Structure formats: structure tokens, C-alpha cells
Amino acid sequence: MEKIPVAIIGLGRIASLLEDDSLREKPCTHGGAITANPDCLLVAGADSDEQRRTLFAERWHCPVYADPGAMLKAHGPQMLHIATHPDSHPRYCRLAADYQVPVVVCEKPLADTLTGAQEIAALHRKGGIKIITNHERRYSADYRTAKGILDTERMGRLLSVKAGLYMGKSRRLRNVLWDDGTHLVDVLMFLTGSLMRHEKTWGADLSDKAGSAFLGGYLEPVEPEHTRKAIPFIIEVGAERDHLVFELEFSCEQGRLRIGNGIFEVWESGPSPYAERFRSLRKTDETFDGPTGYFANMVQDAVACVREPGREPRSSALDGLRVIAYLNDV
């Protein structure tokens, strides 16, 4: 079977440069995941920055362009990865549709406005082009394991969710929520099969660069006929910490699941060692060890979408739109 020609627009950190991070699981970039996939052939890249074009060409040994349209015309890729700033995503998705690229992988957030995200989702709905939103945790083995635990209700019904996000000591809270909270919001909806409904915000103002802002709301079932009750959630978005935190805690009838960056914990209810006729939570030995395959699995999903025209991606533009709709409400 012939390899799928793949091109990238935007040749910066997430496209290529993060492969130099010695601590990250590899592949951790679009270029790395494409070249690691035996079904793919990286044919070209495009960026307005000359230095990035030079670095990309030296690393991946393929031609580079300043003009994305010229690249698409010259190489006719069947898969296009868009790794640019979100304000340009609608423009490049339209360009991909104009050049009849079957599958597009678009970086998160899907767009910088609700209108832009709606435009991209409309292109996906029309069916001529499939657009994947790179919400990588949908493809990560540890989060898929967590979803299995919640779906089977091993610890009883899910009753509430708490989440924390600290991504920079002096960044504006709004930017933390928009840039990094996209992953948190998406994986929360993914793990619970829900839509997030915003109810209120308290604490620090989202325009601040200090303190913590708290977002409260409910997780409602995606399927309207689902009989499950809405599940309350609280998200803390914080600044002033010298460390990064991305963490979710799911409280169930008979236990608790914690997952996040470097965290995978399952706690189960049992007779309390501290008081008679009470029950306490005990952390089990269950954990997740090994590579998550988060970037590699995403590219494999894109490959399957090229090979199987009727396939719907695991993380589509419609999922990306739901995240932007929630953030827009906040």
C-alpha cells in the first residue's frame, strides 16, 4: 500500500522543535509522529519564518515553503497538519478544503473565536474534508484506561469532579484557561461522555495574573435520552505557583480516580482503620506504566480516516467546537 503524503503548516514548537526536549515521551510533535508512522511520508512544510523553515528542512529532509498554497499545489498531500496560531486555523482549513485535502489535523484550540470554530466545524460537517482537533489526551493510553474505569462504574456512579490547572507563575488566568484549559475541558467531556455547562465564576478575575479563579458548572449527558443526572464540577485555574499542575479527580460512590500529568491513582472504599462502622478510601496498587502513545495514536487515527472515507475521527472538529463553546460561555 502506498504511503500517505503529509504536509505541515506552521513549523514551530509543536510541529517540530519539541522533539529536542529530552524528557518528553517521543514522538511529541507533528513531524515526529508523521515520520514515525510507516503509513505516512512527510513531503513538505510551510512557515512564514525563514529560520523555522531552515531548521525543519534540516531535521526532516523535505522541501519547505513560505507560501502554504504553493506547497499544497506542488505536493497534493492527502493529510495536512495545521500547527499555527489559532487565529489562522479557519483560513488554513478553508485552504485545505479548496485543495481537496481529505484529512486535516488542526492544533488546539480549534480557533480563537466561537465564530471561527463554528466555521471549521461546518467544513467538517459537509463531509468533503475531515478535521481532527489535536486534543491529545483522547488518544493517550492512560486516559483511555481511566475512561474504561468510569464507563464500567467499577466504583459506582460518578457523583462529582474537581480539576486543577496551574500553567505559569505570572500568566494571565484567561490565557491559561484558553491555551491549556482546552485540553482539560476536552478530556473532562471525553471521560464522562458529557457536555459542560458553565454556571458561575468566583475568586480571582480571569484577567488577573495572581490568585485562583474557580469555575463551577454541570456535566450533562451528550445523549438527550440518557437518564443520568447532571454531575457538578469545579475547576481551579491558578497562578503564582512555580510548578505545573494538570489534574482531575473523579469522586464516585465507592471510590475515587485521580489522573493528570504524572498521576494515575485509583482509590477504593473499605472498612476504616480509624473508626468503627465507618469506611475510608485506600489507594490501590493500580497504576499506569509505559508509553501513552498520545501523538502516535492521533496520527494513526488520521491515517485510518484517509484509508476509510466513512470513518469519524476520535477527536473531530465537532469536539473542538464544544470546547470553544464552553470557554466562550466562561
Protein backbone atom coordinates (compact mmCIF):
# COMPACT_ATOMS: atom_id res chain seq x y z
CA MET A 1 0.00 0.00 0.00
CA GLU A 2 1.37 3.42 -0.94
CA LYS A 3 2.36 5.82 1.79
CA ILE A 4 0.13 8.81 2.51
CA PRO A 5 1.76 12.15 1.59
CA VAL A 6 1.57 14.53 4.56
CA ALA A 7 2.39 18.25 4.85
CA ILE A 8 2.54 20.68 7.77
CA ILE A 9 1.71 24.39 8.00
CA GLY A 10 3.47 26.05 10.94
CA LEU A 11 6.93 24.69 11.75
CA GLY A 12 7.43 25.79 15.36
CA ARG A 13 7.40 24.05 18.75
CA ILE A 14 4.53 21.60 18.41
CA ALA A 15 5.31 20.91 14.76
CA SER A 16 8.97 20.00 15.28
CA LEU A 17 11.07 21.80 17.89
CA LEU A 18 9.78 19.96 20.97
CA GLU A 19 11.47 16.79 19.75
CA ASP A 20 14.60 18.32 21.32
CA ASP A 21 13.05 18.02 24.81
CA SER A 22 14.89 15.02 26.25
CA LEU A 23 12.24 14.35 28.93
CA ARG A 24 9.15 14.16 26.74
CA GLU A 25 7.71 10.89 25.50
CA LYS A 26 8.52 10.56 21.81
CA PRO A 27 7.15 11.30 19.36
CA CYS A 28 5.89 14.59 20.82
CA THR A 29 5.44 16.68 17.67
CA HIS A 30 3.58 16.50 14.39
CA GLY A 31 6.78 16.00 12.43
CA GLY A 32 7.98 13.29 14.80
CA ALA A 33 4.69 11.38 14.77
CA ILE A 34 4.31 11.59 10.99
CA THR A 35 7.81 10.31 10.27
CA ALA A 36 7.44 7.54 12.88
CA ASN A 37 4.29 6.22 11.21
CA PRO A 38 5.03 3.62 8.49
CA ASP A 39 1.94 4.64 6.51
CA CYS A 40 3.00 8.29 6.22
CA LEU A 41 5.52 10.24 4.15
CA LEU A 42 6.32 13.79 5.22
CA VAL A 43 6.56 15.60 1.89
CA ALA A 44 6.78 19.32 2.81
CA GLY A 45 6.36 22.06 5.38
CA ALA A 46 5.37 25.72 5.25
CA ASP A 47 6.07 28.67 7.53
CA SER A 48 6.49 32.42 7.12
CA ASP A 49 9.61 32.35 9.34
CA GLU A 50 12.80 31.62 7.41
CA GLN A 51 14.73 30.28 10.41
CA ARG A 52 11.99 27.78 11.23
CA ARG A 53 11.88 26.65 7.62
CA THR A 54 15.63 26.05 7.68
CA LEU A 55 15.54 24.09 10.95
CA PHE A 56 12.62 21.99 9.74
CA ALA A 57 14.26 21.15 6.40
CA GLU A 58 17.49 20.15 8.14
CA ARG A 59 15.72 17.88 10.61
CA TRP A 60 13.17 16.18 8.36
CA HIS A 61 14.92 16.40 4.96
CA CYS A 62 11.96 17.69 2.99
CA PRO A 63 11.23 20.86 1.00
CA VAL A 64 9.86 23.92 2.77
CA TYR A 65 7.75 26.85 1.58
CA ALA A 66 6.87 30.35 2.68
CA ASP A 67 3.51 30.07 0.88
CA PRO A 68 1.22 27.25 2.11
CA GLY A 69 -0.86 27.43 -1.07
CA ALA A 70 2.21 26.84 -3.22
CA MET A 71 3.09 23.84 -1.05
CA LEU A 72 -0.37 22.30 -1.40
CA LYS A 73 -0.36 22.88 -5.15
CA ALA A 74 3.08 21.34 -5.59
CA HIS A 75 2.62 18.23 -3.41
CA GLY A 76 -1.12 17.48 -3.21
CA PRO A 77 -0.97 15.96 0.31
CA GLN A 78 -3.73 13.65 1.49
CA MET A 79 -3.18 14.78 5.07
CA LEU A 80 -2.41 18.30 6.29
CA HIS A 81 -1.34 19.25 9.81
CA ILE A 82 -2.06 22.83 10.88
CA ALA A 83 0.24 23.88 13.73
CA THR A 84 -0.13 27.65 13.60
CA HIS A 85 -1.69 30.20 15.96
CA PRO A 86 -5.45 29.61 16.42
CA ASP A 87 -6.49 32.85 14.70
CA SER A 88 -5.22 31.38 11.40
CA HIS A 89 -6.89 27.97 11.73
CA PRO A 90 -10.11 28.85 9.85
CA ARG A 91 -8.11 30.31 6.95
CA TYR A 92 -5.91 27.24 6.59
CA CYS A 93 -8.83 24.83 6.96
CA ARG A 94 -10.56 26.66 4.10
CA LEU A 95 -7.35 26.45 2.09
CA ALA A 96 -7.18 22.70 2.70
CA ALA A 97 -10.78 22.35 1.55
CA ASP A 98 -10.02 24.39 -1.59
CA TYR A 99 -7.16 21.99 -2.42
CA GLN A 100 -9.35 18.96 -1.59
CA VAL A 101 -7.15 17.62 1.17
CA PRO A 102 -9.14 14.67 2.61
CA VAL A 103 -7.92 14.88 6.24
CA VAL A 104 -6.71 17.83 8.30
CA VAL A 105 -5.19 17.66 11.78
CA CYS A 106 -5.68 21.03 13.47
CA GLU A 107 -3.90 22.09 16.63
CA LYS A 108 -5.89 23.16 19.68
CA PRO A 109 -7.63 25.40 20.40
CA LEU A 110 -9.66 24.85 17.25
CA ALA A 111 -9.94 28.63 16.73
CA ASP A 112 -9.57 31.85 18.69
CA THR A 113 -13.28 32.72 18.47
CA LEU A 114 -16.57 30.83 18.59
CA THR A 115 -17.36 32.03 15.05
CA GLY A 116 -14.07 30.66 13.74
CA ALA A 117 -14.64 27.29 15.45
CA GLN A 118 -18.16 27.12 14.01
CA GLU A 119 -16.77 27.76 10.54
CA ILE A 120 -14.26 24.91 10.86
CA ALA A 121 -16.91 22.57 12.26
CA ALA A 122 -19.19 23.42 9.31
CA LEU A 123 -16.45 22.35 6.89
CA HIS A 124 -16.19 19.04 8.75
CA ARG A 125 -19.96 18.52 8.74
CA LYS A 126 -20.19 18.99 4.97
CA GLY A 127 -18.21 15.78 4.57
CA GLY A 128 -15.72 16.80 1.89
CA ILE A 129 -12.95 17.13 4.46
CA LYS A 130 -12.41 15.51 7.86
CA ILE A 131 -10.91 17.75 10.51
CA ILE A 132 -9.26 16.31 13.61
CA THR A 133 -8.71 18.54 16.64
CA ASN A 134 -5.44 17.60 18.35
CA HIS A 135 -6.83 17.16 21.84
CA GLU A 136 -4.12 14.64 22.52
CA ARG A 137 -5.46 13.07 25.72
CA ARG A 138 -8.27 11.41 23.77
CA TYR A 139 -5.50 9.34 22.20
CA SER A 140 -3.44 8.78 25.34
CA ALA A 141 -3.49 5.23 26.74
CA ASP A 142 -3.66 6.34 30.39
CA TYR A 143 -6.74 8.50 29.81
CA ARG A 144 -8.39 5.75 27.77
CA THR A 145 -7.77 3.37 30.69
CA ALA A 146 -9.37 5.92 33.02
CA LYS A 147 -12.38 6.18 30.73
CA GLY A 148 -12.84 2.41 30.92
CA ILE A 149 -12.88 2.58 34.72
CA LEU A 150 -15.51 5.33 34.72
CA ASP A 151 -17.63 3.79 31.96
CA THR A 152 -17.92 0.43 33.75
CA GLU A 153 -18.87 2.16 37.03
CA ARG A 154 -16.47 -0.13 38.88
CA MET A 155 -16.62 2.24 41.84
CA GLY A 156 -20.27 3.05 41.45
CA ARG A 157 -21.78 6.14 39.92
CA LEU A 158 -19.74 9.26 39.32
CA LEU A 159 -21.01 11.99 41.66
CA SER A 160 -18.68 14.99 41.26
CA VAL A 161 -15.47 16.20 39.61
CA LYS A 162 -12.69 18.54 40.76
CA ALA A 163 -9.89 19.76 38.48
CA GLY A 164 -6.82 21.96 38.86
CA LEU A 165 -4.78 23.83 36.26
CA TYR A 166 -1.58 25.77 37.06
CA MET A 167 0.42 26.56 33.94
CA GLY A 168 2.69 29.53 34.62
CA LYS A 169 3.63 31.68 37.60
CA SER A 170 2.64 35.05 36.14
CA ARG A 171 0.47 34.26 33.13
CA ARG A 172 -2.96 35.83 32.89
CA LEU A 173 -5.54 33.31 34.12
CA ARG A 174 -7.63 33.80 30.99
CA ASN A 175 -4.67 32.77 28.83
CA VAL A 176 -4.00 29.68 30.96
CA LEU A 177 -7.63 28.66 30.57
CA TRP A 178 -7.69 29.34 26.83
CA ASP A 179 -4.32 27.84 25.90
CA ASP A 180 -4.04 24.89 28.30
CA GLY A 181 -7.58 24.60 29.63
CA THR A 182 -8.68 23.44 26.19
CA HIS A 183 -7.11 20.06 26.98
CA LEU A 184 -8.66 19.99 30.46
CA VAL A 185 -12.14 20.86 29.22
CA ASP A 186 -11.99 18.39 26.35
CA VAL A 187 -10.74 15.44 28.38
CA LEU A 188 -13.35 16.12 31.06
CA MET A 189 -16.09 15.86 28.44
CA PHE A 190 -14.39 12.84 26.84
CA LEU A 191 -14.01 10.86 30.08
CA THR A 192 -17.61 11.47 31.18
CA GLY A 193 -19.39 11.46 27.81
CA SER A 194 -20.82 14.86 28.68
CA LEU A 195 -21.26 18.45 27.64
CA MET A 196 -20.00 21.08 30.07
CA ARG A 197 -22.42 23.76 31.20
CA HIS A 198 -20.97 26.84 32.85
CA GLU A 199 -22.83 28.21 35.86
CA LYS A 200 -20.61 30.67 37.74
CA THR A 201 -17.08 32.00 38.25
CA TRP A 202 -15.64 33.21 41.57
CA GLY A 203 -12.31 34.04 43.15
CA ALA A 204 -9.73 35.97 41.13
CA ASP A 205 -10.77 37.73 37.95
CA LEU A 206 -9.73 35.87 34.81
CA SER A 207 -7.85 38.98 33.68
CA ASP A 208 -5.58 38.73 36.75
CA LYS A 209 -2.07 37.27 36.87
CA ALA A 210 -2.37 36.22 40.52
CA GLY A 211 -4.55 34.06 42.74
CA SER A 212 -7.04 31.44 41.62
CA ALA A 213 -10.25 31.62 39.65
CA PHE A 214 -12.87 28.92 40.21
CA LEU A 215 -15.31 27.75 37.54
CA GLY A 216 -18.41 25.86 38.56
CA GLY A 217 -20.98 24.06 36.48
CA TYR A 218 -22.53 20.76 35.45
CA LEU A 219 -21.71 17.87 33.15
CA GLU A 220 -24.77 16.88 31.16
CA PRO A 221 -25.05 13.69 29.08
CA VAL A 222 -24.33 14.16 25.38
CA GLU A 223 -27.27 11.92 24.50
CA PRO A 224 -30.53 13.74 25.40
CA GLU A 225 -32.34 10.48 26.24
CA HIS A 226 -29.69 9.48 28.80
CA THR A 227 -31.24 9.16 32.27
CA ARG A 228 -28.05 10.03 34.20
CA LYS A 229 -28.29 13.13 36.36
CA ALA A 230 -26.10 16.15 35.70
CA ILE A 231 -22.76 15.93 37.54
CA PRO A 232 -21.36 19.02 39.29
CA PHE A 233 -17.76 20.08 38.66
CA ILE A 234 -15.31 22.69 39.94
CA ILE A 235 -12.17 23.81 38.08
CA GLU A 236 -9.44 25.88 39.74
CA VAL A 237 -7.26 27.93 37.37
CA GLY A 238 -4.31 29.30 39.32
CA ALA A 239 -1.20 31.47 39.01
CA GLU A 240 1.78 32.29 41.30
CA ARG A 241 2.91 28.62 41.51
CA ASP A 242 6.45 27.68 40.48
CA HIS A 243 5.19 24.30 39.21
CA LEU A 244 2.76 22.97 36.63
CA VAL A 245 -0.42 21.09 37.55
CA PHE A 246 -2.92 19.40 35.23
CA GLU A 247 -5.12 17.18 37.37
CA LEU A 248 -8.63 15.74 37.52
CA GLU A 249 -10.31 13.95 40.41
CA PHE A 250 -13.48 11.90 39.91
CA SER A 251 -15.47 11.13 43.07
CA CYS A 252 -17.65 8.02 42.83
CA GLU A 253 -19.98 6.19 45.22
CA GLN A 254 -17.31 3.68 46.31
CA GLY A 255 -14.04 5.27 45.32
CA ARG A 256 -12.02 7.96 43.62
CA LEU A 257 -9.97 8.24 40.43
CA ARG A 258 -7.18 10.80 40.05
CA ILE A 259 -5.43 11.39 36.75
CA GLY A 260 -3.20 14.11 35.36
CA ASN A 261 0.37 14.90 34.43
CA GLY A 262 2.36 12.17 36.18
CA ILE A 263 -0.71 10.99 38.14
CA PHE A 264 -2.79 7.83 37.86
CA GLU A 265 -4.41 6.75 41.14
CA VAL A 266 -7.37 4.51 41.95
CA TRP A 267 -8.77 4.70 45.49
CA GLU A 268 -11.36 2.18 46.71
CA SER A 269 -13.70 2.21 49.69
CA GLY A 270 -13.19 -0.27 52.53
CA PRO A 271 -13.70 -0.65 56.30
CA SER A 272 -11.99 2.24 58.04
CA PRO A 273 -8.87 1.51 60.12
CA TYR A 274 -9.55 4.72 62.06
CA ALA A 275 -13.13 4.36 63.34
CA GLU A 276 -15.65 1.55 63.82
CA ARG A 277 -18.64 1.32 61.47
CA PHE A 278 -17.08 3.80 59.03
CA ARG A 279 -15.49 3.34 55.64
CA SER A 280 -12.39 5.06 54.26
CA LEU A 281 -10.64 5.27 50.94
CA ARG A 282 -7.47 3.25 50.33
CA LYS A 283 -5.15 3.80 47.38
CA THR A 284 -4.82 0.60 45.38
CA ASP A 285 -1.71 -0.66 43.63
CA GLU A 286 -3.35 0.01 40.27
CA THR A 287 -1.39 2.50 38.19
CA PHE A 288 -0.40 3.23 34.61
CA ASP A 289 3.11 2.49 33.47
CA GLY A 290 4.54 2.75 29.99
CA PRO A 291 4.25 4.98 26.95
CA THR A 292 0.89 6.64 26.33
CA GLY A 293 1.25 6.89 22.54
CA TYR A 294 -0.64 10.17 22.60
CA PHE A 295 0.83 11.69 19.43
CA ALA A 296 1.44 8.42 17.58
CA ASN A 297 -2.17 7.29 18.16
CA MET A 298 -3.51 10.60 16.88
CA VAL A 299 -1.61 10.24 13.60
CA GLN A 300 -2.79 6.63 13.30
CA ASP A 301 -6.39 7.85 13.64
CA ALA A 302 -5.72 10.37 10.86
CA VAL A 303 -4.28 7.58 8.69
CA ALA A 304 -7.40 5.49 9.27
CA CYS A 305 -9.57 8.46 8.26
CA VAL A 306 -7.67 8.71 4.95
CA ARG A 307 -7.97 4.96 4.32
CA GLU A 308 -11.61 4.69 5.43
CA PRO A 309 -13.70 7.53 3.95
CA GLY A 310 -16.68 6.82 6.22
CA ARG A 311 -14.72 6.93 9.46
CA GLU A 312 -15.33 9.63 12.07
CA PRO A 313 -12.16 10.66 13.97
CA ARG A 314 -11.86 10.10 17.69
CA SER A 315 -11.34 13.84 18.18
CA SER A 316 -13.17 15.78 15.49
CA ALA A 317 -13.77 19.45 14.80
CA LEU A 318 -17.16 19.00 16.46
CA ASP A 319 -15.40 18.06 19.71
CA GLY A 320 -13.13 21.07 19.28
CA LEU A 321 -16.18 23.30 18.80
CA ARG A 322 -17.73 22.06 22.07
CA VAL A 323 -14.62 23.15 23.95
CA ILE A 324 -14.67 26.62 22.38
CA ALA A 325 -18.40 26.95 23.12
CA TYR A 326 -17.77 26.25 26.81
CA LEU A 327 -14.81 28.62 27.01
CA ASN A 328 -16.87 31.27 25.24
CA ASP A 329 -19.60 30.90 27.90
CA VAL A 330 -16.99 31.31 30.66
